[in-house]
C-alpha atoms as a PDB file:
ATOM      1  CA  UNK A   1       0.070   0.089   0.020  1.00  0.00           C
ATOM      2  CA  UNK A   2       2.798   2.513   0.788  1.00  0.00           C
ATOM      3  CA  UNK A   3       4.853   1.705  -2.247  1.00  0.00           C
ATOM      4  CA  UNK A   4       1.714   2.214  -4.468  1.00  0.00           C
ATOM      5  CA  UNK A   5       1.049   5.556  -2.768  1.00  0.00           C
ATOM      6  CA  UNK A   6       4.806   6.589  -3.546  1.00  0.00           C
ATOM      7  CA  UNK A   7       4.435   5.450  -7.204  1.00  0.00           C
ATOM      8  CA  UNK A   8       1.045   7.972  -7.441  1.00  0.00           C
ATOM      9  CA  UNK A   9       3.181  10.715  -5.747  1.00  0.00           C
ATOM     10  CA  UNK A  10       6.148  10.273  -8.370  1.00  0.00           C
ATOM     11  CA  UNK A  11       3.513  10.382 -10.937  1.00  0.00           C
ATOM     12  CA  UNK A  12       1.673  12.891 -10.231  1.00  0.00           C
ATOM     13  CA  UNK A  13       5.153  15.182  -9.749  1.00  0.00           C
ATOM     14  CA  UNK A  14       6.205  14.012 -13.089  1.00  0.00           C
ATOM     15  CA  UNK A  15       2.708  14.930 -14.852  1.00  0.00           C
ATOM     16  CA  UNK A  16       3.604  18.489 -13.277  1.00  0.00           C
ATOM     17  CA  UNK A  17       6.768  18.619 -14.212  1.00  0.00           C
ATOM     18  CA  UNK A  18       5.910  17.722 -17.710  1.00  0.00           C
ATOM     19  CA  UNK A  19       3.173  20.275 -17.730  1.00  0.00           C
ATOM     20  CA  UNK A  20       5.356  22.955 -16.531  1.00  0.00           C
ATOM     21  CA  UNK A  21       7.868  22.008 -19.263  1.00  0.00           C
ATOM     22  CA  UNK A  22       5.209  22.339 -21.832  1.00  0.00           C
ATOM     23  CA  UNK A  23       4.370  25.465 -20.549  1.00  0.00           C
ATOM     24  CA  UNK A  24       7.643  26.617 -20.516  1.00  0.00           C
ATOM     25  CA  UNK A  25       8.187  25.790 -24.212  1.00  0.00           C
ATOM     26  CA  UNK A  26       5.125  28.000 -24.852  1.00  0.00           C
ATOM     27  CA  UNK A  27       6.193  30.631 -23.079  1.00  0.00           C
ATOM     28  CA  UNK A  28       9.759  30.650 -24.701  1.00  0.00           C
ATOM     29  CA  UNK A  29       8.629  33.499 -27.208  1.00  0.00           C
ATOM     30  CA  UNK A  30       6.949  35.753 -24.294  1.00  0.00           C
ATOM     31  CA  UNK A  31      10.263  35.248 -22.335  1.00  0.00           C
ATOM     32  CA  UNK A  32      12.581  36.238 -24.999  1.00  0.00           C
ATOM     33  CA  UNK A  33      10.586  39.069 -25.741  1.00  0.00           C
ATOM     34  CA  UNK A  34      10.563  40.273 -22.041  1.00  0.00           C
ATOM     35  CA  UNK A  35      14.008  40.209 -21.911  1.00  0.00           C
ATOM     36  CA  UNK A  36      14.431  42.016 -25.186  1.00  0.00           C
ATOM     37  CA  UNK A  37      12.206  44.599 -23.278  1.00  0.00           C
ATOM     38  CA  UNK A  38      14.264  44.802 -20.185  1.00  0.00           C
ATOM     39  CA  UNK A  39      17.418  45.180 -22.205  1.00  0.00           C
ATOM     40  CA  UNK A  40      16.158  47.932 -24.193  1.00  0.00           C
ATOM     41  CA  UNK A  41      14.473  49.461 -20.731  1.00  0.00           C
ATOM     42  CA  UNK A  42      18.067  50.001 -19.484  1.00  0.00           C
ATOM     43  CA  UNK A  43      19.619  50.945 -22.426  1.00  0.00           C
ATOM     44  CA  UNK A  44      17.073  53.583 -23.075  1.00  0.00           C
ATOM     45  CA  UNK A  45      16.954  54.782 -19.383  1.00  0.00           C
ATOM     46  CA  UNK A  46      20.586  55.289 -19.329  1.00  0.00           C
ATOM     47  CA  UNK A  47      20.593  57.289 -22.527  1.00  0.00           C
ATOM     48  CA  UNK A  48      17.814  59.359 -21.319  1.00  0.00           C
ATOM     49  CA  UNK A  49      19.258  59.756 -17.573  1.00  0.00           C
ATOM     50  CA  UNK A  50      22.450  61.336 -19.266  1.00  0.00           C
ATOM     51  CA  UNK A  51      20.524  63.711 -21.346  1.00  0.00           C
ATOM     52  CA  UNK A  52      18.719  64.538 -18.305  1.00  0.00           C
ATOM     53  CA  UNK A  53      21.710  65.361 -16.472  1.00  0.00           C
ATOM     54  CA  UNK A  54      22.875  67.759 -19.024  1.00  0.00           C
ATOM     55  CA  UNK A  55      19.538  69.482 -19.225  1.00  0.00           C
ATOM     56  CA  UNK A  56      19.098  70.027 -15.440  1.00  0.00           C
ATOM     57  CA  UNK A  57      22.913  71.174 -14.957  1.00  0.00           C
ATOM     58  CA  UNK A  58      21.765  74.250 -17.378  1.00  0.00           C
ATOM     59  CA  UNK A  59      19.167  75.308 -14.963  1.00  0.00           C
ATOM     60  CA  UNK A  60      20.323  74.276 -11.547  1.00  0.00           C
ATOM     61  CA  UNK A  61      23.715  74.260 -10.132  1.00  0.00           C
ATOM     62  CA  UNK A  62      22.618  71.963  -7.236  1.00  0.00           C
ATOM     63  CA  UNK A  63      24.540  68.374  -7.877  1.00  0.00           C
ATOM     64  CA  UNK A  64      22.532  66.744  -5.259  1.00  0.00           C
ATOM     65  CA  UNK A  65      18.937  67.943  -7.002  1.00  0.00           C
ATOM     66  CA  UNK A  66      20.341  67.186 -10.370  1.00  0.00           C
ATOM     67  CA  UNK A  67      21.117  63.542  -9.400  1.00  0.00           C
ATOM     68  CA  UNK A  68      18.029  63.163  -7.313  1.00  0.00           C
ATOM     69  CA  UNK A  69      15.500  64.294 -10.453  1.00  0.00           C
ATOM     70  CA  UNK A  70      17.882  61.827 -13.002  1.00  0.00           C
ATOM     71  CA  UNK A  71      17.779  58.953 -10.304  1.00  0.00           C
ATOM     72  CA  UNK A  72      13.940  59.110 -10.056  1.00  0.00           C
ATOM     73  CA  UNK A  73      13.238  59.391 -13.609  1.00  0.00           C
ATOM     74  CA  UNK A  74      15.697  56.435 -14.124  1.00  0.00           C
ATOM     75  CA  UNK A  75      13.768  54.085 -11.662  1.00  0.00           C
ATOM     76  CA  UNK A  76      10.517  55.306 -12.907  1.00  0.00           C
ATOM     77  CA  UNK A  77      11.490  54.178 -16.581  1.00  0.00           C
ATOM     78  CA  UNK A  78      13.219  50.923 -15.532  1.00  0.00           C
ATOM     79  CA  UNK A  79      10.085  50.091 -13.398  1.00  0.00           C
ATOM     80  CA  UNK A  80       7.819  50.787 -16.512  1.00  0.00           C
ATOM     81  CA  UNK A  81       9.942  48.358 -18.514  1.00  0.00           C
ATOM     82  CA  UNK A  82       9.883  45.851 -15.784  1.00  0.00           C
ATOM     83  CA  UNK A  83       6.054  45.820 -15.321  1.00  0.00           C
ATOM     84  CA  UNK A  84       5.751  45.342 -19.086  1.00  0.00           C
ATOM     85  CA  UNK A  85       7.820  42.555 -19.056  1.00  0.00           C
ATOM     86  CA  UNK A  86       5.986  41.062 -16.290  1.00  0.00           C
ATOM     87  CA  UNK A  87       2.805  41.448 -18.667  1.00  0.00           C
ATOM     88  CA  UNK A  88       4.273  39.644 -21.343  1.00  0.00           C
ATOM     89  CA  UNK A  89       4.533  36.612 -19.373  1.00  0.00           C
ATOM     90  CA  UNK A  90       0.729  36.902 -18.284  1.00  0.00           C
ATOM     91  CA  UNK A  91       2.105  38.181 -14.407  1.00  0.00           C
ATOM     92  CA  UNK A  92      -0.891  40.617 -14.347  1.00  0.00           C
ATOM     93  CA  UNK A  93      -1.899  39.905 -10.710  1.00  0.00           C
ATOM     94  CA  UNK A  94       2.072  39.944  -9.889  1.00  0.00           C
ATOM     95  CA  UNK A  95       2.140  43.420 -11.218  1.00  0.00           C
ATOM     96  CA  UNK A  96      -1.146  44.438  -9.236  1.00  0.00           C
ATOM     97  CA  UNK A  97       0.104  42.640  -6.014  1.00  0.00           C
ATOM     98  CA  UNK A  98       3.544  44.783  -6.452  1.00  0.00           C
ATOM     99  CA  UNK A  99       1.840  48.027  -7.009  1.00  0.00           C
ATOM    100  CA  UNK A 100      -0.312  47.417  -4.007  1.00  0.00           C
ATOM    101  CA  UNK A 101       2.683  46.565  -1.762  1.00  0.00           C
ATOM    102  CA  UNK A 102       4.843  49.553  -3.099  1.00  0.00           C
ATOM    103  CA  UNK A 103       1.754  51.512  -1.908  1.00  0.00           C
ATOM    104  CA  UNK A 104       1.457  49.898   1.536  1.00  0.00           C
ATOM    105  CA  UNK A 105       5.335  50.084   2.234  1.00  0.00           C
ATOM    106  CA  UNK A 106       5.357  53.585   0.968  1.00  0.00           C
ATOM    107  CA  UNK A 107       2.362  54.989   3.609  1.00  0.00           C
ATOM    108  CA  UNK A 108       4.308  52.700   6.479  1.00  0.00           C
ATOM    109  CA  UNK A 109       7.742  54.594   5.541  1.00  0.00           C
ATOM    110  CA  UNK A 110       5.888  57.988   5.324  1.00  0.00           C
ATOM    111  CA  UNK A 111       4.454  57.959   8.892  1.00  0.00           C
ATOM    112  CA  UNK A 112       7.864  56.064  10.267  1.00  0.00           C
ATOM    113  CA  UNK A 113      10.433  58.784   8.568  1.00  0.00           C
ATOM    114  CA  UNK A 114       8.329  61.683   8.393  1.00  0.00           C
ATOM    115  CA  UNK A 115      10.907  64.080   9.915  1.00  0.00           C
ATOM    116  CA  UNK A 116      13.312  62.722   7.590  1.00  0.00           C
ATOM    117  CA  UNK A 117      11.029  63.112   4.673  1.00  0.00           C
ATOM    118  CA  UNK A 118      10.363  66.771   5.913  1.00  0.00           C
ATOM    119  CA  UNK A 119      13.996  67.644   5.871  1.00  0.00           C
ATOM    120  CA  UNK A 120      14.600  65.849   2.426  1.00  0.00           C
ATOM    121  CA  UNK A 121      11.239  67.798   0.879  1.00  0.00           C
ATOM    122  CA  UNK A 122      12.703  71.169   2.673  1.00  0.00           C
ATOM    123  CA  UNK A 123      15.943  70.313   1.148  1.00  0.00           C
ATOM    124  CA  UNK A 124      14.350  70.034  -2.447  1.00  0.00           C
ATOM    125  CA  UNK A 125      12.754  73.281  -2.121  1.00  0.00           C
ATOM    126  CA  UNK A 126      16.127  75.016  -0.837  1.00  0.00           C
ATOM    127  CA  UNK A 127      18.197  73.622  -3.625  1.00  0.00           C
ATOM    128  CA  UNK A 128      15.459  74.924  -5.981  1.00  0.00           C
ATOM    129  CA  UNK A 129      14.991  78.319  -4.670  1.00  0.00           C
ATOM    130  CA  UNK A 130      18.908  78.673  -3.817  1.00  0.00           C
ATOM    131  CA  UNK A 131      18.472  81.272  -1.010  1.00  0.00           C
ATOM    132  CA  UNK A 132      22.014  80.794  -0.036  1.00  0.00           C
ATOM    133  CA  UNK A 133      25.033  78.855  -1.397  1.00  0.00           C
ATOM    134  CA  UNK A 134      28.490  77.314  -0.273  1.00  0.00           C
ATOM    135  CA  UNK A 135      30.578  79.998   0.834  1.00  0.00           C
ATOM    136  CA  UNK A 136      27.810  82.238   2.233  1.00  0.00           C
ATOM    137  CA  UNK A 137      27.709  83.839   5.298  1.00  0.00           C
ATOM    138  CA  UNK A 138      24.330  83.201   7.229  1.00  0.00           C
ATOM    139  CA  UNK A 139      22.492  83.415  10.865  1.00  0.00           C
ATOM    140  CA  UNK A 140      19.513  81.089  11.462  1.00  0.00           C
ATOM    141  CA  UNK A 141      18.398  79.427  14.613  1.00  0.00           C
ATOM    142  CA  UNK A 142      20.627  81.578  16.721  1.00  0.00           C
ATOM    143  CA  UNK A 143      23.738  80.123  14.553  1.00  0.00           C
ATOM    144  CA  UNK A 144      26.029  82.459  12.686  1.00  0.00           C
ATOM    145  CA  UNK A 145      28.815  81.224  10.273  1.00  0.00           C
ATOM    146  CA  UNK A 146      29.801  80.386   6.798  1.00  0.00           C
ATOM    147  CA  UNK A 147      27.767  77.415   4.882  1.00  0.00           C
ATOM    148  CA  UNK A 148      30.400  74.585   4.085  1.00  0.00           C
ATOM    149  CA  UNK A 149      28.287  71.872   2.540  1.00  0.00           C
ATOM    150  CA  UNK A 150      24.588  71.552   1.669  1.00  0.00           C
ATOM    151  CA  UNK A 151      22.767  68.188   1.133  1.00  0.00           C
ATOM    152  CA  UNK A 152      19.265  67.211   0.842  1.00  0.00           C
ATOM    153  CA  UNK A 153      19.106  66.540   4.427  1.00  0.00           C
ATOM    154  CA  UNK A 154      21.198  69.109   6.284  1.00  0.00           C
ATOM    155  CA  UNK A 155      23.231  72.045   5.896  1.00  0.00           C
ATOM    156  CA  UNK A 156      26.816  72.386   7.640  1.00  0.00           C
ATOM    157  CA  UNK A 157      27.666  75.806   8.986  1.00  0.00           C
ATOM    158  CA  UNK A 158      31.096  76.612  10.349  1.00  0.00           C
ATOM    159  CA  UNK A 159      30.568  79.310  13.272  1.00  0.00           C
ATOM    160  CA  UNK A 160      33.435  81.999  13.132  1.00  0.00           C
ATOM    161  CA  UNK A 161      34.340  80.363  16.408  1.00  0.00           C
ATOM    162  CA  UNK A 162      35.243  77.446  14.972  1.00  0.00           C
ATOM    163  CA  UNK A 163      32.641  74.923  15.427  1.00  0.00           C
ATOM    164  CA  UNK A 164      30.811  73.021  12.925  1.00  0.00           C
ATOM    165  CA  UNK A 165      26.930  72.792  13.307  1.00  0.00           C
ATOM    166  CA  UNK A 166      24.766  70.506  11.268  1.00  0.00           C
ATOM    167  CA  UNK A 167      21.600  71.861  10.839  1.00  0.00           C
ATOM    168  CA  UNK A 168      18.455  69.987   9.597  1.00  0.00           C
ATOM    169  CA  UNK A 169      16.895  71.604   6.537  1.00  0.00           C
ATOM    170  CA  UNK A 170      13.448  71.658   8.076  1.00  0.00           C
ATOM    171  CA  UNK A 171      14.984  73.921  10.879  1.00  0.00           C
ATOM    172  CA  UNK A 172      16.666  76.243   8.313  1.00  0.00           C
ATOM    173  CA  UNK A 173      13.352  76.208   5.951  1.00  0.00           C
ATOM    174  CA  UNK A 174      10.744  77.045   8.737  1.00  0.00           C
ATOM    175  CA  UNK A 175      12.890  79.770  10.375  1.00  0.00           C
ATOM    176  CA  UNK A 176      14.109  83.218   9.421  1.00  0.00           C
ATOM    177  CA  UNK A 177      17.595  82.951   7.960  1.00  0.00           C
ATOM    178  CA  UNK A 178      19.853  86.151   7.431  1.00  0.00           C
ATOM    179  CA  UNK A 179      22.259  85.978   4.368  1.00  0.00           C
ATOM    180  CA  UNK A 180      25.096  88.483   4.747  1.00  0.00           C
ATOM    181  CA  UNK A 181      26.672  87.692   1.528  1.00  0.00           C
ATOM    182  CA  UNK A 182      24.103  87.906  -1.033  1.00  0.00           C
ATOM    183  CA  UNK A 183      24.711  91.191  -1.971  1.00  0.00           C
ATOM    184  CA  UNK A 184      28.362  91.522  -1.785  1.00  0.00           C
ATOM    185  CA  UNK A 185      28.295  94.872   0.447  1.00  0.00           C
ATOM    186  CA  UNK A 186      27.301  95.362   4.171  1.00  0.00           C
ATOM    187  CA  UNK A 187      26.444  98.369   6.154  1.00  0.00           C
ATOM    188  CA  UNK A 188      28.298  99.405   9.616  1.00  0.00           C
ATOM    189  CA  UNK A 189      26.608 101.298  11.996  1.00  0.00           C
ATOM    190  CA  UNK A 190      28.874 102.725  14.388  1.00  0.00           C
ATOM    191  CA  UNK A 191      27.732 104.341  17.533  1.00  0.00           C
ATOM    192  CA  UNK A 192      29.961 107.287  19.282  1.00  0.00           C
ATOM    193  CA  UNK A 193      29.193 110.101  21.834  1.00  0.00           C
ATOM    194  CA  UNK A 194      30.595 113.566  21.896  1.00  0.00           C
ATOM    195  CA  UNK A 195      30.366 116.218  24.744  1.00  0.00           C
ATOM    196  CA  UNK A 196      27.507 118.667  24.936  1.00  0.00           C
ATOM    197  CA  UNK A 197      30.251 121.491  24.163  1.00  0.00           C
ATOM    198  CA  UNK A 198      30.989 120.414  21.105  1.00  0.00           C
ATOM    199  CA  UNK A 199      30.079 122.211  17.614  1.00  0.00           C
ATOM    200  CA  UNK A 200      27.814 119.361  15.970  1.00  0.00           C
ATOM    201  CA  UNK A 201      28.285 120.491  12.288  1.00  0.00           C
ATOM    202  CA  UNK A 202      32.114 120.521  12.932  1.00  0.00           C
ATOM    203  CA  UNK A 203      32.335 116.845  14.189  1.00  0.00           C
ATOM    204  CA  UNK A 204      30.133 115.675  11.390  1.00  0.00           C
ATOM    205  CA  UNK A 205      32.490 117.107   8.934  1.00  0.00           C
ATOM    206  CA  UNK A 206      35.408 115.545  10.821  1.00  0.00           C
ATOM    207  CA  UNK A 207      34.138 112.092  11.244  1.00  0.00           C
ATOM    208  CA  UNK A 208      33.277 112.219   7.754  1.00  0.00           C
ATOM    209  CA  UNK A 209      36.651 112.946   6.479  1.00  0.00           C
ATOM    210  CA  UNK A 210      38.227 110.446   8.889  1.00  0.00           C
ATOM    211  CA  UNK A 211      36.155 107.924   7.633  1.00  0.00           C
ATOM    212  CA  UNK A 212      37.001 108.070   3.837  1.00  0.00           C
ATOM    213  CA  UNK A 213      39.857 105.611   3.626  1.00  0.00           C
ATOM    214  CA  UNK A 214      38.309 103.030   6.037  1.00  0.00           C
ATOM    215  CA  UNK A 215      39.115  99.520   5.030  1.00  0.00           C
ATOM    216  CA  UNK A 216      37.268  97.828   2.445  1.00  0.00           C
ATOM    217  CA  UNK A 217      34.647 101.085   2.169  1.00  0.00           C
ATOM    218  CA  UNK A 218      32.548 101.314  -1.126  1.00  0.00           C
ATOM    219  CA  UNK A 219      33.402 104.646  -1.796  1.00  0.00           C
ATOM    220  CA  UNK A 220      30.318 104.894  -4.667  1.00  0.00           C
ATOM    221  CA  UNK A 221      28.101 105.125  -1.353  1.00  0.00           C
ATOM    222  CA  UNK A 222      28.179 108.522   0.888  1.00  0.00           C
ATOM    223  CA  UNK A 223      29.056 108.225   4.770  1.00  0.00           C
ATOM    224  CA  UNK A 224      26.257 109.367   6.942  1.00  0.00           C
ATOM    225  CA  UNK A 225      26.700 110.743  10.416  1.00  0.00           C
ATOM    226  CA  UNK A 226      23.468 111.077  12.121  1.00  0.00           C
ATOM    227  CA  UNK A 227      22.766 112.501  15.680  1.00  0.00           C
ATOM    228  CA  UNK A 228      20.045 110.411  17.353  1.00  0.00           C
ATOM    229  CA  UNK A 229      19.711 110.973  21.249  1.00  0.00           C
ATOM    230  CA  UNK A 230      20.774 113.270  24.230  1.00  0.00           C
ATOM    231  CA  UNK A 231      22.446 110.783  26.395  1.00  0.00           C
ATOM    232  CA  UNK A 232      23.175 111.033  30.287  1.00  0.00           C
ATOM    233  CA  UNK A 233      26.711 112.516  29.727  1.00  0.00           C
ATOM    234  CA  UNK A 234      26.940 112.936  25.577  1.00  0.00           C
ATOM    235  CA  UNK A 235      25.417 113.583  22.567  1.00  0.00           C
ATOM    236  CA  UNK A 236      25.074 110.160  20.281  1.00  0.00           C
ATOM    237  CA  UNK A 237      25.345 109.792  16.861  1.00  0.00           C
ATOM    238  CA  UNK A 238      25.616 107.162  14.343  1.00  0.00           C
ATOM    239  CA  UNK A 239      28.429 106.855  11.698  1.00  0.00           C
ATOM    240  CA  UNK A 240      27.232 104.676   9.044  1.00  0.00           C
ATOM    241  CA  UNK A 241      29.212 103.389   5.843  1.00  0.00           C
ATOM    242  CA  UNK A 242      29.176 100.660   3.472  1.00  0.00           C
ATOM    243  CA  UNK A 243      31.931  98.080   3.054  1.00  0.00           C
ATOM    244  CA  UNK A 244      32.641  94.867   0.758  1.00  0.00           C
ATOM    245  CA  UNK A 245      31.652  91.925   2.453  1.00  0.00           C
ATOM    246  CA  UNK A 246      32.532  88.049   1.660  1.00  0.00           C
ATOM    247  CA  UNK A 247      33.762  86.858   5.186  1.00  0.00           C
ATOM    248  CA  UNK A 248      33.164  88.002   8.910  1.00  0.00           C
ATOM    249  CA  UNK A 249      36.701  89.276   8.949  1.00  0.00           C
ATOM    250  CA  UNK A 250      35.970  92.007   6.471  1.00  0.00           C
ATOM    251  CA  UNK A 251      33.128  93.537   8.898  1.00  0.00           C
ATOM    252  CA  UNK A 252      35.458  93.364  12.015  1.00  0.00           C
ATOM    253  CA  UNK A 253      38.722  94.865  10.610  1.00  0.00           C
ATOM    254  CA  UNK A 254      36.664  97.692   9.011  1.00  0.00           C
ATOM    255  CA  UNK A 255      34.610  98.770  12.191  1.00  0.00           C
ATOM    256  CA  UNK A 256      38.038  98.326  14.075  1.00  0.00           C
ATOM    257  CA  UNK A 257      39.835 100.693  11.513  1.00  0.00           C
ATOM    258  CA  UNK A 258      36.649 103.220  11.941  1.00  0.00           C
ATOM    259  CA  UNK A 259      37.135 103.420  15.700  1.00  0.00           C
ATOM    260  CA  UNK A 260      40.671 104.151  15.600  1.00  0.00           C
ATOM    261  CA  UNK A 261      40.498 106.572  12.572  1.00  0.00           C
ATOM    262  CA  UNK A 262      37.623 108.523  14.731  1.00  0.00           C
ATOM    263  CA  UNK A 263      39.392 108.416  17.773  1.00  0.00           C
ATOM    264  CA  UNK A 264      42.917 109.835  16.338  1.00  0.00           C
ATOM    265  CA  UNK A 265      40.919 112.339  14.243  1.00  0.00           C
ATOM    266  CA  UNK A 266      39.322 113.591  17.974  1.00  0.00           C
ATOM    267  CA  UNK A 267      42.365 113.732  19.584  1.00  0.00           C
ATOM    268  CA  UNK A 268      43.693 115.460  16.810  1.00  0.00           C
ATOM    269  CA  UNK A 269      40.962 118.384  16.847  1.00  0.00           C
ATOM    270  CA  UNK A 270      40.220 118.387  20.617  1.00  0.00           C
ATOM    271  CA  UNK A 271      36.635 116.961  20.298  1.00  0.00           C
ATOM    272  CA  UNK A 272      35.559 115.373  23.739  1.00  0.00           C
ATOM    273  CA  UNK A 273      34.590 112.037  24.283  1.00  0.00           C
ATOM    274  CA  UNK A 274      33.125 112.401  27.789  1.00  0.00           C
ATOM    275  CA  UNK A 275      33.345 109.517  30.521  1.00  0.00           C
ATOM    276  CA  UNK A 276      29.888 108.459  31.928  1.00  0.00           C
ATOM    277  CA  UNK A 277      28.746 110.762  34.759  1.00  0.00           C
ATOM    278  CA  UNK A 278      27.082 109.661  38.193  1.00  0.00           C
ATOM    279  CA  UNK A 279      25.886 111.777  40.734  1.00  0.00           C
ATOM    280  CA  UNK A 280      25.933 110.164  44.560  1.00  0.00           C
ATOM    281  CA  UNK A 281      23.230 111.165  46.736  1.00  0.00           C
ATOM    282  CA  UNK A 282      24.378 111.287  50.515  1.00  0.00           C
ATOM    283  CA  UNK A 283      20.922 112.524  51.676  1.00  0.00           C
ATOM    284  CA  UNK A 284      22.106 116.073  52.047  1.00  0.00           C
ATOM    285  CA  UNK A 285      19.009 118.662  52.960  1.00  0.00           C
ATOM    286  CA  UNK A 286      18.243 121.407  50.775  1.00  0.00           C
ATOM    287  CA  UNK A 287      20.692 124.617  51.736  1.00  0.00           C
ATOM    288  CA  UNK A 288      23.052 123.108  53.960  1.00  0.00           C
ATOM    289  CA  UNK A 289      26.669 122.289  52.978  1.00  0.00           C
ATOM    290  CA  UNK A 290      28.143 118.854  52.808  1.00  0.00           C
ATOM    291  CA  UNK A 291      30.837 119.758  55.370  1.00  0.00           C
ATOM    292  CA  UNK A 292      28.327 120.753  57.974  1.00  0.00           C
ATOM    293  CA  UNK A 293      26.794 117.704  57.321  1.00  0.00           C
ATOM    294  CA  UNK A 294      29.711 115.477  57.971  1.00  0.00           C
ATOM    295  CA  UNK A 295      30.533 117.178  61.215  1.00  0.00           C
ATOM    296  CA  UNK A 296      26.956 116.564  62.543  1.00  0.00           C
ATOM    297  CA  UNK A 297      27.157 112.991  61.669  1.00  0.00           C
ATOM    298  CA  UNK A 298      30.980 112.655  63.270  1.00  0.00           C
ATOM    299  CA  UNK A 299      29.433 114.198  66.311  1.00  0.00           C
ATOM    300  CA  UNK A 300      26.767 111.759  66.582  1.00  0.00           C
ATOM    301  CA  UNK A 301      29.082 108.900  66.240  1.00  0.00           C
ATOM    302  CA  UNK A 302      31.308 110.372  68.910  1.00  0.00           C
ATOM    303  CA  UNK A 303      28.015 110.747  71.238  1.00  0.00           C
ATOM    304  CA  UNK A 304      27.320 107.220  70.529  1.00  0.00           C
ATOM    305  CA  UNK A 305      30.480 105.862  71.616  1.00  0.00           C
ATOM    306  CA  UNK A 306      30.376 108.146  74.793  1.00  0.00           C
ATOM    307  CA  UNK A 307      26.904 106.421  76.120  1.00  0.00           C
ATOM    308  CA  UNK A 308      28.013 103.027  75.533  1.00  0.00           C
ATOM    309  CA  UNK A 309      31.336 103.523  77.520  1.00  0.00           C
ATOM    310  CA  UNK A 310      29.246 105.241  80.175  1.00  0.00           C
ATOM    311  CA  UNK A 311      26.827 101.938  80.305  1.00  0.00           C
ATOM    312  CA  UNK A 312      29.831  99.403  80.490  1.00  0.00           C
ATOM    313  CA  UNK A 313      31.234 101.422  83.356  1.00  0.00           C
END
């Protein structure tokens, strides 16, 4: 009985193999066509990818974005060719199952990696808009420095103190960002105070003359000296001028040079920069002299000491 069961199983297996063999022979033309479709798909996709790389390079200088676009189109064309090949093999149900699986997997990954996706999308938008580039001096999220690298996920900022900060694109995209390098120039506002006894118009002329040869100054723009307040011990003004700007050292050195020039000019023209004045209140009554108050205070101290001595005796 057992031998008969084994023989039946073997016979069934041989029939199955024979049927698969006949089906394979019948499918050989379709398999050959499917292979041709796949080969042509890869060749055409590679050719189109190279053409897209050249085309996008004309409109975008972001290598990461250009590579992303060409890679997405390349994968899309390969997938289309792959689905056509499966249809030639009468595997339509497999195609539907694959599409459904891809949709479910994509949805799950979207929820699991939503922060990464947000950074990625922000990086794509930044690459398209190009609000800044490598080498620009920016300030964002309380960080100030030079951009060293821009990817589709992060932006590397080298702070002026040397630290490297890697900022997610989402943070930069959603928060205010100041680009100091975009125009190539920057204005310096220098606060200065002078004595109340000075001739204000004369001071204006002296300061403007002193700042003519400041380092990196843009000479096509006028120097402005504007008074803006009466201070506690001085009349305060702002000296404003423009400089060429590519690095933070340009700004710092020009500001330092301006301070040196103004101080030397004030010394040469006997213009006083007053020290802050503070008035100390000793509780002096109106009409009484300070020395009288001090004498009264000393007398009170002596009387107090004498009373303590008599109590002790």
